Amino acid sequence: MGNDPTLINALLRRLLSTFKIRDLGTPGFFHGIETLMVDTGIMLSQRRYMGDILNRAGMVNCKPLATPTSVTQAVSPSDLPFVNPTQYRRITGALQYLTITRPDLSYAINRLCQFMHPPTNEHCGLLKRVLRYIKGTLDYSLRLLVSASSTIHAFSDFDWAGCPLDRKNTSGYSVFLGSNLISWISQK
């Protein structure tokens, strides 16, 4: 994608000389990510995919929430295993793909993934909270706008031994190219 057709065609010819490729035109819907053209750039949306996840979890008509996690309540060890751990793993695994266009979900989904092997009823509650947040933010997308600057800015943060269970820290970073967020992560 670009605004110089001559440059785009030259690049496609060079790629064609080395690889077997086809120009499929303007991107529309690819691997669950919808590309929407706006006057100042593009938006990458996974609205359909989020709807599918809510449907799989049986939470299409759930009440939306404003935040994906509770910042005041820490996860505590529980002895009550969740009755359907496969369902927990399936939905949490599907949520990982959402972090491609939803950096606001990175921390919450990373937190859910830490309990894939022994999920409990409390972890299921955390999963439902994230799904309720998704229900309220179906229209959120990643915007890539024309930027006058090509300056790279990076931000990072971490907590020292922030997990009360294993005393490990959680870290994260985000990288901007001009005004566009281009890379991010949240990991324990």
N, C-alpha and C. Protein backbone atom coordinates (compact mmCIF):
# COMPACT_ATOMS: atom_id res chain seq x y z
N MET A 1 0.84 -1.17 0.00
CA MET A 1 0.00 0.00 0.00
C MET A 1 0.89 1.23 0.00
N GLY A 2 0.46 2.22 -0.68
CA GLY A 2 1.20 3.46 -0.73
C GLY A 2 0.49 4.48 -1.60
N ASN A 3 1.08 5.67 -1.73
CA ASN A 3 0.44 6.71 -2.53
C ASN A 3 1.18 6.99 -3.83
N ASP A 4 2.20 6.21 -4.16
CA ASP A 4 2.96 6.39 -5.40
C ASP A 4 2.81 5.13 -6.26
N PRO A 5 1.88 5.15 -7.26
CA PRO A 5 1.64 3.96 -8.07
C PRO A 5 2.88 3.47 -8.83
N THR A 6 3.74 4.38 -9.27
CA THR A 6 4.96 3.99 -9.99
C THR A 6 5.88 3.19 -9.08
N LEU A 7 6.06 3.65 -7.87
CA LEU A 7 6.91 2.95 -6.91
C LEU A 7 6.32 1.60 -6.53
N ILE A 8 5.01 1.54 -6.34
CA ILE A 8 4.35 0.27 -6.01
C ILE A 8 4.53 -0.73 -7.14
N ASN A 9 4.31 -0.29 -8.38
CA ASN A 9 4.47 -1.20 -9.53
C ASN A 9 5.91 -1.68 -9.68
N ALA A 10 6.88 -0.79 -9.44
CA ALA A 10 8.29 -1.20 -9.52
C ALA A 10 8.60 -2.25 -8.46
N LEU A 11 8.09 -2.07 -7.25
CA LEU A 11 8.30 -3.04 -6.18
C LEU A 11 7.66 -4.38 -6.55
N LEU A 12 6.44 -4.35 -7.07
CA LEU A 12 5.76 -5.59 -7.45
C LEU A 12 6.52 -6.32 -8.56
N ARG A 13 7.07 -5.59 -9.53
CA ARG A 13 7.87 -6.22 -10.61
C ARG A 13 9.12 -6.88 -10.04
N ARG A 14 9.78 -6.21 -9.09
CA ARG A 14 10.99 -6.80 -8.47
C ARG A 14 10.63 -8.05 -7.67
N LEU A 15 9.54 -8.01 -6.94
CA LEU A 15 9.11 -9.19 -6.19
C LEU A 15 8.74 -10.33 -7.13
N LEU A 16 8.07 -10.00 -8.24
CA LEU A 16 7.66 -11.01 -9.21
C LEU A 16 8.87 -11.67 -9.88
N SER A 17 9.97 -10.95 -10.00
CA SER A 17 11.16 -11.54 -10.62
C SER A 17 11.81 -12.59 -9.71
N THR A 18 11.53 -12.55 -8.43
CA THR A 18 12.12 -13.50 -7.48
C THR A 18 11.10 -14.51 -6.95
N PHE A 19 9.89 -14.06 -6.72
CA PHE A 19 8.86 -14.91 -6.13
C PHE A 19 7.67 -15.03 -7.07
N LYS A 20 6.90 -16.09 -6.89
CA LYS A 20 5.67 -16.25 -7.63
C LYS A 20 4.57 -15.57 -6.81
N ILE A 21 4.12 -14.39 -7.25
CA ILE A 21 3.14 -13.62 -6.50
C ILE A 21 2.00 -13.19 -7.40
N ARG A 22 0.90 -12.79 -6.79
CA ARG A 22 -0.24 -12.18 -7.49
C ARG A 22 -0.65 -10.94 -6.72
N ASP A 23 -0.97 -9.90 -7.43
CA ASP A 23 -1.48 -8.69 -6.80
C ASP A 23 -2.99 -8.86 -6.64
N LEU A 24 -3.45 -8.95 -5.42
CA LEU A 24 -4.87 -9.16 -5.15
C LEU A 24 -5.62 -7.84 -4.97
N GLY A 25 -4.93 -6.74 -5.21
CA GLY A 25 -5.57 -5.43 -5.10
C GLY A 25 -5.59 -4.91 -3.68
N THR A 26 -6.49 -4.00 -3.43
CA THR A 26 -6.60 -3.39 -2.11
C THR A 26 -7.06 -4.44 -1.10
N PRO A 27 -6.37 -4.52 0.03
CA PRO A 27 -6.78 -5.53 1.02
C PRO A 27 -8.17 -5.22 1.57
N GLY A 28 -8.92 -6.29 1.83
CA GLY A 28 -10.25 -6.12 2.38
C GLY A 28 -10.42 -6.91 3.66
N PHE A 29 -10.35 -8.24 3.54
CA PHE A 29 -10.53 -9.12 4.69
C PHE A 29 -9.51 -10.24 4.56
N PHE A 30 -8.62 -10.36 5.55
CA PHE A 30 -7.54 -11.34 5.46
C PHE A 30 -7.28 -11.91 6.84
N HIS A 31 -7.40 -13.22 6.99
CA HIS A 31 -7.16 -13.92 8.27
C HIS A 31 -7.91 -13.30 9.44
N GLY A 32 -9.16 -12.94 9.20
CA GLY A 32 -9.98 -12.40 10.28
C GLY A 32 -9.77 -10.92 10.56
N ILE A 33 -8.89 -10.28 9.79
CA ILE A 33 -8.63 -8.85 9.98
C ILE A 33 -9.21 -8.10 8.79
N GLU A 34 -10.11 -7.18 9.09
CA GLU A 34 -10.73 -6.38 8.04
C GLU A 34 -10.00 -5.05 7.91
N THR A 35 -9.66 -4.68 6.68
CA THR A 35 -8.98 -3.43 6.41
C THR A 35 -10.00 -2.42 5.92
N LEU A 36 -10.16 -1.34 6.65
CA LEU A 36 -11.12 -0.31 6.29
C LEU A 36 -10.37 0.96 5.91
N MET A 37 -10.65 1.47 4.74
CA MET A 37 -9.99 2.69 4.29
C MET A 37 -10.72 3.90 4.88
N VAL A 38 -9.95 4.80 5.47
CA VAL A 38 -10.48 6.07 5.95
C VAL A 38 -9.71 7.18 5.26
N ASP A 39 -10.22 8.39 5.31
CA ASP A 39 -9.61 9.47 4.55
C ASP A 39 -8.16 9.77 4.94
N THR A 40 -7.77 9.45 6.16
CA THR A 40 -6.40 9.77 6.59
C THR A 40 -5.51 8.53 6.73
N GLY A 41 -5.98 7.35 6.33
CA GLY A 41 -5.17 6.14 6.44
C GLY A 41 -6.04 4.90 6.39
N ILE A 42 -5.72 3.90 7.21
CA ILE A 42 -6.49 2.67 7.26
C ILE A 42 -6.77 2.28 8.71
N MET A 43 -7.78 1.46 8.87
CA MET A 43 -8.11 0.90 10.18
C MET A 43 -8.13 -0.62 10.03
N LEU A 44 -7.52 -1.31 10.99
CA LEU A 44 -7.52 -2.76 11.01
C LEU A 44 -8.48 -3.20 12.11
N SER A 45 -9.51 -3.95 11.73
CA SER A 45 -10.56 -4.33 12.67
C SER A 45 -10.75 -5.84 12.69
N GLN A 46 -11.04 -6.37 13.87
CA GLN A 46 -11.35 -7.78 14.03
C GLN A 46 -12.75 -7.95 14.62
N ARG A 47 -13.66 -7.10 14.24
CA ARG A 47 -15.01 -7.10 14.79
C ARG A 47 -15.71 -8.44 14.58
N ARG A 48 -15.63 -8.99 13.38
CA ARG A 48 -16.28 -10.28 13.10
C ARG A 48 -15.69 -11.39 13.96
N TYR A 49 -14.38 -11.38 14.09
CA TYR A 49 -13.70 -12.40 14.89
C TYR A 49 -14.10 -12.30 16.36
N MET A 50 -14.20 -11.07 16.86
CA MET A 50 -14.63 -10.87 18.25
C MET A 50 -16.05 -11.38 18.44
N GLY A 51 -16.91 -11.14 17.46
CA GLY A 51 -18.27 -11.65 17.53
C GLY A 51 -18.30 -13.18 17.56
N ASP A 52 -17.43 -13.81 16.78
CA ASP A 52 -17.34 -15.27 16.78
C ASP A 52 -16.91 -15.81 18.14
N ILE A 53 -15.94 -15.14 18.77
CA ILE A 53 -15.47 -15.58 20.09
C ILE A 53 -16.59 -15.44 21.12
N LEU A 54 -17.29 -14.33 21.09
CA LEU A 54 -18.40 -14.13 22.03
C LEU A 54 -19.48 -15.20 21.81
N ASN A 55 -19.72 -15.55 20.56
CA ASN A 55 -20.70 -16.58 20.25
C ASN A 55 -20.24 -17.94 20.77
N ARG A 56 -18.98 -18.27 20.56
CA ARG A 56 -18.41 -19.54 21.05
C ARG A 56 -18.50 -19.65 22.57
N ALA A 57 -18.32 -18.52 23.24
CA ALA A 57 -18.35 -18.51 24.70
C ALA A 57 -19.77 -18.40 25.25
N GLY A 58 -20.75 -18.21 24.37
CA GLY A 58 -22.13 -18.05 24.82
C GLY A 58 -22.36 -16.72 25.51
N MET A 59 -21.62 -15.69 25.11
CA MET A 59 -21.73 -14.38 25.78
C MET A 59 -22.08 -13.26 24.81
N VAL A 60 -22.84 -13.58 23.77
CA VAL A 60 -23.24 -12.56 22.79
C VAL A 60 -24.09 -11.48 23.43
N ASN A 61 -24.93 -11.85 24.38
CA ASN A 61 -25.85 -10.89 25.01
C ASN A 61 -25.40 -10.47 26.40
N CYS A 62 -24.10 -10.58 26.69
CA CYS A 62 -23.60 -10.23 28.02
C CYS A 62 -23.59 -8.71 28.20
N LYS A 63 -23.51 -8.30 29.45
CA LYS A 63 -23.43 -6.88 29.79
C LYS A 63 -21.99 -6.41 29.60
N PRO A 64 -21.76 -5.34 28.84
CA PRO A 64 -20.38 -4.88 28.60
C PRO A 64 -19.76 -4.22 29.83
N LEU A 65 -18.43 -4.26 29.88
CA LEU A 65 -17.66 -3.60 30.94
C LEU A 65 -16.71 -2.58 30.32
N ALA A 66 -16.26 -1.65 31.14
CA ALA A 66 -15.39 -0.57 30.65
C ALA A 66 -13.90 -0.91 30.72
N THR A 67 -13.52 -1.90 31.52
CA THR A 67 -12.10 -2.27 31.64
C THR A 67 -11.96 -3.79 31.53
N PRO A 68 -10.84 -4.28 30.95
CA PRO A 68 -10.68 -5.72 30.78
C PRO A 68 -10.23 -6.47 32.04
N THR A 69 -9.61 -5.76 32.98
CA THR A 69 -9.16 -6.41 34.21
C THR A 69 -9.44 -5.50 35.40
N SER A 70 -9.46 -6.12 36.55
CA SER A 70 -9.60 -5.35 37.78
C SER A 70 -8.19 -5.04 38.28
N VAL A 71 -7.89 -3.78 38.45
CA VAL A 71 -6.55 -3.41 38.88
C VAL A 71 -6.38 -3.52 40.39
N THR A 72 -7.47 -3.64 41.11
CA THR A 72 -7.38 -3.70 42.57
C THR A 72 -7.42 -5.11 43.13
N GLN A 73 -7.89 -6.06 42.33
CA GLN A 73 -8.04 -7.42 42.83
C GLN A 73 -6.96 -8.32 42.22
N ALA A 74 -6.10 -8.88 43.06
CA ALA A 74 -5.05 -9.78 42.59
C ALA A 74 -5.61 -11.19 42.46
N VAL A 75 -5.00 -11.97 41.56
CA VAL A 75 -5.40 -13.36 41.39
C VAL A 75 -4.80 -14.15 42.55
N SER A 76 -5.65 -14.89 43.20
CA SER A 76 -5.18 -15.70 44.32
C SER A 76 -5.32 -17.18 43.97
N PRO A 77 -4.48 -18.02 44.54
CA PRO A 77 -4.59 -19.44 44.24
C PRO A 77 -5.92 -19.99 44.75
N SER A 78 -6.53 -20.85 43.96
CA SER A 78 -7.82 -21.42 44.32
C SER A 78 -7.76 -22.92 44.10
N ASP A 79 -8.49 -23.67 44.90
CA ASP A 79 -8.49 -25.12 44.77
C ASP A 79 -9.66 -25.64 43.95
N LEU A 80 -10.58 -24.76 43.56
CA LEU A 80 -11.75 -25.21 42.81
C LEU A 80 -11.45 -25.19 41.31
N PRO A 81 -11.12 -26.35 40.71
CA PRO A 81 -10.81 -26.35 39.28
C PRO A 81 -12.05 -26.03 38.45
N PHE A 82 -11.84 -25.37 37.34
CA PHE A 82 -12.92 -25.05 36.42
C PHE A 82 -13.42 -26.34 35.79
N VAL A 83 -14.73 -26.49 35.67
CA VAL A 83 -15.31 -27.76 35.22
C VAL A 83 -14.99 -28.08 33.76
N ASN A 84 -14.72 -27.07 32.94
CA ASN A 84 -14.44 -27.31 31.53
C ASN A 84 -13.13 -26.60 31.14
N PRO A 85 -11.97 -27.16 31.51
CA PRO A 85 -10.71 -26.49 31.20
C PRO A 85 -10.44 -26.38 29.70
N THR A 86 -10.99 -27.31 28.91
CA THR A 86 -10.80 -27.24 27.46
C THR A 86 -11.46 -25.99 26.90
N GLN A 87 -12.65 -25.67 27.38
CA GLN A 87 -13.34 -24.46 26.94
C GLN A 87 -12.52 -23.22 27.30
N TYR A 88 -11.97 -23.18 28.51
CA TYR A 88 -11.13 -22.05 28.94
C TYR A 88 -9.94 -21.91 28.00
N ARG A 89 -9.27 -23.02 27.73
CA ARG A 89 -8.08 -22.98 26.85
C ARG A 89 -8.44 -22.56 25.43
N ARG A 90 -9.55 -23.06 24.93
CA ARG A 90 -9.97 -22.75 23.56
C ARG A 90 -10.26 -21.26 23.41
N ILE A 91 -11.00 -20.70 24.34
CA ILE A 91 -11.37 -19.28 24.23
C ILE A 91 -10.16 -18.38 24.51
N THR A 92 -9.37 -18.73 25.50
CA THR A 92 -8.17 -17.93 25.80
C THR A 92 -7.20 -17.97 24.63
N GLY A 93 -7.03 -19.13 24.02
CA GLY A 93 -6.17 -19.24 22.84
C GLY A 93 -6.68 -18.39 21.69
N ALA A 94 -7.99 -18.38 21.49
CA ALA A 94 -8.58 -17.55 20.43
C ALA A 94 -8.38 -16.07 20.72
N LEU A 95 -8.42 -15.70 21.99
CA LEU A 95 -8.23 -14.29 22.35
C LEU A 95 -6.81 -13.80 22.03
N GLN A 96 -5.84 -14.70 22.05
CA GLN A 96 -4.45 -14.29 21.76
C GLN A 96 -4.35 -13.64 20.39
N TYR A 97 -5.12 -14.12 19.43
CA TYR A 97 -5.08 -13.57 18.08
C TYR A 97 -5.60 -12.13 18.03
N LEU A 98 -6.42 -11.75 18.99
CA LEU A 98 -6.95 -10.38 19.02
C LEU A 98 -5.87 -9.34 19.32
N THR A 99 -4.79 -9.75 19.97
CA THR A 99 -3.76 -8.78 20.32
C THR A 99 -3.04 -8.23 19.09
N ILE A 100 -3.33 -8.76 17.91
CA ILE A 100 -2.75 -8.22 16.67
C ILE A 100 -3.24 -6.80 16.42
N THR A 101 -4.51 -6.57 16.68
CA THR A 101 -5.08 -5.24 16.43
C THR A 101 -5.58 -4.56 17.70
N ARG A 102 -5.47 -5.22 18.83
CA ARG A 102 -6.00 -4.67 20.07
C ARG A 102 -4.93 -4.66 21.17
N PRO A 103 -4.03 -3.68 21.15
CA PRO A 103 -3.01 -3.61 22.20
C PRO A 103 -3.59 -3.42 23.60
N ASP A 104 -4.81 -2.90 23.68
CA ASP A 104 -5.45 -2.71 24.99
C ASP A 104 -5.77 -4.04 25.67
N LEU A 105 -5.74 -5.13 24.92
CA LEU A 105 -6.03 -6.45 25.48
C LEU A 105 -4.78 -7.25 25.82
N SER A 106 -3.61 -6.77 25.46
CA SER A 106 -2.37 -7.54 25.63
C SER A 106 -2.14 -7.98 27.07
N TYR A 107 -2.24 -7.08 28.00
CA TYR A 107 -1.97 -7.42 29.39
C TYR A 107 -3.00 -8.43 29.91
N ALA A 108 -4.28 -8.17 29.68
CA ALA A 108 -5.34 -9.04 30.21
C ALA A 108 -5.24 -10.45 29.63
N ILE A 109 -4.96 -10.56 28.35
CA ILE A 109 -4.89 -11.88 27.71
C ILE A 109 -3.61 -12.59 28.14
N ASN A 110 -2.51 -11.86 28.31
CA ASN A 110 -1.29 -12.48 28.83
C ASN A 110 -1.55 -13.06 30.21
N ARG A 111 -2.30 -12.34 31.00
CA ARG A 111 -2.63 -12.80 32.35
C ARG A 111 -3.47 -14.08 32.30
N LEU A 112 -4.45 -14.14 31.39
CA LEU A 112 -5.27 -15.34 31.25
C LEU A 112 -4.44 -16.55 30.80
N CYS A 113 -3.48 -16.31 29.92
CA CYS A 113 -2.65 -17.40 29.39
C CYS A 113 -1.77 -18.02 30.46
N GLN A 114 -1.51 -17.33 31.53
CA GLN A 114 -0.68 -17.87 32.60
C GLN A 114 -1.37 -19.01 33.35
N PHE A 115 -2.67 -19.16 33.14
CA PHE A 115 -3.44 -20.18 33.86
C PHE A 115 -4.06 -21.20 32.91
N MET A 116 -3.40 -21.45 31.80
CA MET A 116 -3.93 -22.40 30.81
C MET A 116 -3.97 -23.83 31.34
N HIS A 117 -2.99 -24.22 32.12
CA HIS A 117 -2.93 -25.62 32.57
C HIS A 117 -3.85 -25.90 33.75
N PRO A 118 -3.83 -25.11 34.81
CA PRO A 118 -4.76 -25.41 35.92
C PRO A 118 -5.84 -24.33 36.09
N PRO A 119 -6.71 -24.09 35.09
CA PRO A 119 -7.69 -23.01 35.28
C PRO A 119 -8.68 -23.35 36.40
N THR A 120 -9.03 -22.32 37.15
CA THR A 120 -9.98 -22.47 38.25
C THR A 120 -11.22 -21.63 37.94
N ASN A 121 -12.19 -21.69 38.84
CA ASN A 121 -13.40 -20.87 38.67
C ASN A 121 -13.08 -19.39 38.68
N GLU A 122 -12.08 -19.00 39.48
CA GLU A 122 -11.68 -17.59 39.52
C GLU A 122 -11.10 -17.15 38.18
N HIS A 123 -10.32 -18.01 37.55
CA HIS A 123 -9.75 -17.69 36.23
C HIS A 123 -10.85 -17.59 35.19
N CYS A 124 -11.86 -18.43 35.31
CA CYS A 124 -13.01 -18.34 34.41
C CYS A 124 -13.70 -16.99 34.57
N GLY A 125 -13.77 -16.50 35.80
CA GLY A 125 -14.35 -15.17 36.04
C GLY A 125 -13.54 -14.08 35.37
N LEU A 126 -12.20 -14.20 35.41
CA LEU A 126 -11.34 -13.23 34.72
C LEU A 126 -11.56 -13.28 33.21
N LEU A 127 -11.72 -14.49 32.68
CA LEU A 127 -11.98 -14.67 31.24
C LEU A 127 -13.31 -14.01 30.86
N LYS A 128 -14.33 -14.23 31.67
CA LYS A 128 -15.63 -13.62 31.38
C LYS A 128 -15.55 -12.10 31.43
N ARG A 129 -14.74 -11.57 32.33
CA ARG A 129 -14.57 -10.12 32.41
C ARG A 129 -13.97 -9.57 31.12
N VAL A 130 -12.96 -10.25 30.59
CA VAL A 130 -12.34 -9.82 29.33
C VAL A 130 -13.37 -9.89 28.20
N LEU A 131 -14.15 -10.95 28.17
CA LEU A 131 -15.17 -11.09 27.13
C LEU A 131 -16.23 -10.00 27.24
N ARG A 132 -16.59 -9.61 28.45
CA ARG A 132 -17.55 -8.53 28.63
C ARG A 132 -16.96 -7.19 28.17
N TYR A 133 -15.65 -7.00 28.39
CA TYR A 133 -14.98 -5.80 27.88
C TYR A 133 -14.99 -5.79 26.36
N ILE A 134 -14.71 -6.95 25.76
CA ILE A 134 -14.72 -7.05 24.30
C ILE A 134 -16.11 -6.70 23.76
N LYS A 135 -17.14 -7.19 24.43
CA LYS A 135 -18.52 -6.89 24.01
C LYS A 135 -18.75 -5.38 23.95
N GLY A 136 -18.20 -4.64 24.88
CA GLY A 136 -18.39 -3.19 24.91
C GLY A 136 -17.45 -2.42 23.99
N THR A 137 -16.46 -3.11 23.41
CA THR A 137 -15.48 -2.41 22.57
C THR A 137 -15.36 -3.06 21.19
N LEU A 138 -16.45 -3.61 20.67
CA LEU A 138 -16.43 -4.26 19.36
C LEU A 138 -15.98 -3.32 18.24
N ASP A 139 -16.21 -2.05 18.40
CA ASP A 139 -15.87 -1.08 17.35
C ASP A 139 -14.44 -0.57 17.45
N TYR A 140 -13.68 -1.00 18.45
CA TYR A 140 -12.28 -0.57 18.56
C TYR A 140 -11.47 -1.22 17.44
N SER A 141 -10.53 -0.46 16.91
CA SER A 141 -9.66 -0.99 15.86
C SER A 141 -8.30 -0.30 15.95
N LEU A 142 -7.36 -0.81 15.20
CA LEU A 142 -6.03 -0.22 15.14
C LEU A 142 -5.99 0.74 13.96
N ARG A 143 -5.72 2.00 14.24
CA ARG A 143 -5.66 3.01 13.18
C ARG A 143 -4.23 3.25 12.76
N LEU A 144 -4.00 3.23 11.48
CA LEU A 144 -2.70 3.58 10.91
C LEU A 144 -2.94 4.80 10.02
N LEU A 145 -2.47 5.94 10.49
CA LEU A 145 -2.76 7.21 9.83
C LEU A 145 -1.52 7.77 9.16
N VAL A 146 -1.73 8.61 8.18
CA VAL A 146 -0.62 9.30 7.55
C VAL A 146 0.03 10.17 8.61
N SER A 147 1.34 10.03 8.74
CA SER A 147 2.06 10.77 9.77
C SER A 147 3.14 11.63 9.12
N ALA A 148 3.22 12.85 9.53
CA ALA A 148 4.23 13.75 8.99
C ALA A 148 5.62 13.39 9.48
N SER A 149 5.68 12.66 10.59
CA SER A 149 6.97 12.32 11.19
C SER A 149 7.27 10.83 11.00
N SER A 150 8.53 10.51 10.85
CA SER A 150 8.94 9.11 10.81
C SER A 150 9.86 8.79 12.00
N THR A 151 9.70 9.56 13.04
CA THR A 151 10.48 9.37 14.25
C THR A 151 9.97 8.14 15.00
N ILE A 152 10.90 7.36 15.53
CA ILE A 152 10.55 6.18 16.31
C ILE A 152 10.62 6.53 17.80
N HIS A 153 9.54 6.22 18.51
CA HIS A 153 9.47 6.41 19.95
C HIS A 153 9.13 5.08 20.59
N ALA A 154 9.79 4.74 21.66
CA ALA A 154 9.50 3.49 22.37
C ALA A 154 9.28 3.79 23.85
N PHE A 155 8.36 3.05 24.43
CA PHE A 155 8.03 3.19 25.83
C PHE A 155 8.02 1.80 26.46
N SER A 156 8.50 1.70 27.67
CA SER A 156 8.46 0.40 28.36
C SER A 156 8.13 0.62 29.83
N ASP A 157 7.66 -0.45 30.43
CA ASP A 157 7.32 -0.40 31.85
C ASP A 157 7.34 -1.82 32.39
N PHE A 158 7.57 -1.97 33.67
CA PHE A 158 7.49 -3.28 34.31
C PHE A 158 7.31 -3.07 35.80
N ASP A 159 6.81 -4.11 36.43
CA ASP A 159 6.68 -4.06 37.88
C ASP A 159 7.69 -5.04 38.47
N TRP A 160 8.24 -4.68 39.58
CA TRP A 160 9.23 -5.53 40.24
C TRP A 160 8.52 -6.57 41.08
N ALA A 161 8.63 -7.82 40.70
CA ALA A 161 8.03 -8.92 41.46
C ALA A 161 6.57 -8.65 41.76
N GLY A 162 5.83 -8.23 40.73
CA GLY A 162 4.45 -7.82 40.92
C GLY A 162 3.46 -8.94 41.14
N CYS A 163 3.79 -10.16 40.75
CA CYS A 163 2.87 -11.28 40.95
C CYS A 163 3.03 -11.81 42.37
N PRO A 164 1.96 -11.81 43.17
CA PRO A 164 2.08 -12.29 44.55
C PRO A 164 2.28 -13.80 44.65
N LEU A 165 2.00 -14.53 43.56
CA LEU A 165 2.12 -15.99 43.60
C LEU A 165 3.54 -16.47 43.38
N ASP A 166 4.24 -15.92 42.38
CA ASP A 166 5.59 -16.41 42.08
C ASP A 166 6.66 -15.32 42.12
N ARG A 167 6.25 -14.09 42.46
CA ARG A 167 7.16 -12.94 42.60
C ARG A 167 7.90 -12.60 41.30
N LYS A 168 7.33 -12.96 40.16
CA LYS A 168 7.91 -12.58 38.87
C LYS A 168 7.34 -11.24 38.44
N ASN A 169 8.08 -10.54 37.58
CA ASN A 169 7.60 -9.24 37.13
C ASN A 169 6.90 -9.37 35.78
N THR A 170 6.03 -8.41 35.51
CA THR A 170 5.36 -8.29 34.22
C THR A 170 5.95 -7.07 33.54
N SER A 171 6.30 -7.24 32.27
CA SER A 171 6.88 -6.12 31.52
C SER A 171 6.11 -5.92 30.23
N GLY A 172 6.29 -4.77 29.66
CA GLY A 172 5.64 -4.47 28.40
C GLY A 172 6.32 -3.31 27.71
N TYR A 173 6.08 -3.20 26.42
CA TYR A 173 6.61 -2.06 25.68
C TYR A 173 5.67 -1.73 24.53
N SER A 174 5.81 -0.53 24.01
CA SER A 174 5.11 -0.11 22.81
C SER A 174 6.06 0.76 21.99
N VAL A 175 5.98 0.59 20.68
CA VAL A 175 6.85 1.32 19.76
C VAL A 175 5.96 2.06 18.76
N PHE A 176 6.23 3.34 18.58
CA PHE A 176 5.49 4.18 17.65
C PHE A 176 6.40 4.62 16.52
N LEU A 177 5.90 4.58 15.30
CA LEU A 177 6.56 5.17 14.14
C LEU A 177 5.72 6.40 13.79
N GLY A 178 6.25 7.56 14.08
CA GLY A 178 5.44 8.77 13.97
C GLY A 178 4.34 8.70 15.00
N SER A 179 3.10 8.80 14.54
CA SER A 179 1.96 8.71 15.47
C SER A 179 1.31 7.33 15.47
N ASN A 180 1.91 6.38 14.74
CA ASN A 180 1.31 5.05 14.60
C ASN A 180 1.97 4.02 15.51
N LEU A 181 1.15 3.31 16.27
CA LEU A 181 1.63 2.21 17.09
C LEU A 181 1.95 1.05 16.15
N ILE A 182 3.21 0.57 16.16
CA ILE A 182 3.59 -0.48 15.22
C ILE A 182 4.02 -1.78 15.92
N SER A 183 4.33 -1.72 17.21
CA SER A 183 4.74 -2.94 17.92
C SER A 183 4.44 -2.78 19.39
N TRP A 184 4.02 -3.89 20.04
CA TRP A 184 3.72 -3.84 21.47
C TRP A 184 3.74 -5.25 22.02
N ILE A 185 3.92 -5.34 23.32
CA ILE A 185 3.90 -6.65 23.97
C ILE A 185 3.66 -6.46 25.46
N SER A 186 3.10 -7.47 26.07
CA SER A 186 2.99 -7.55 27.52
C SER A 186 3.33 -8.98 27.88
N GLN A 187 4.31 -9.16 28.75
CA GLN A 187 4.72 -10.53 29.09
C GLN A 187 5.18 -10.61 30.53
N LYS A 188 5.02 -11.82 31.10
CA LYS A 188 5.46 -12.08 32.46
C LYS A 188 6.86 -12.65 32.39
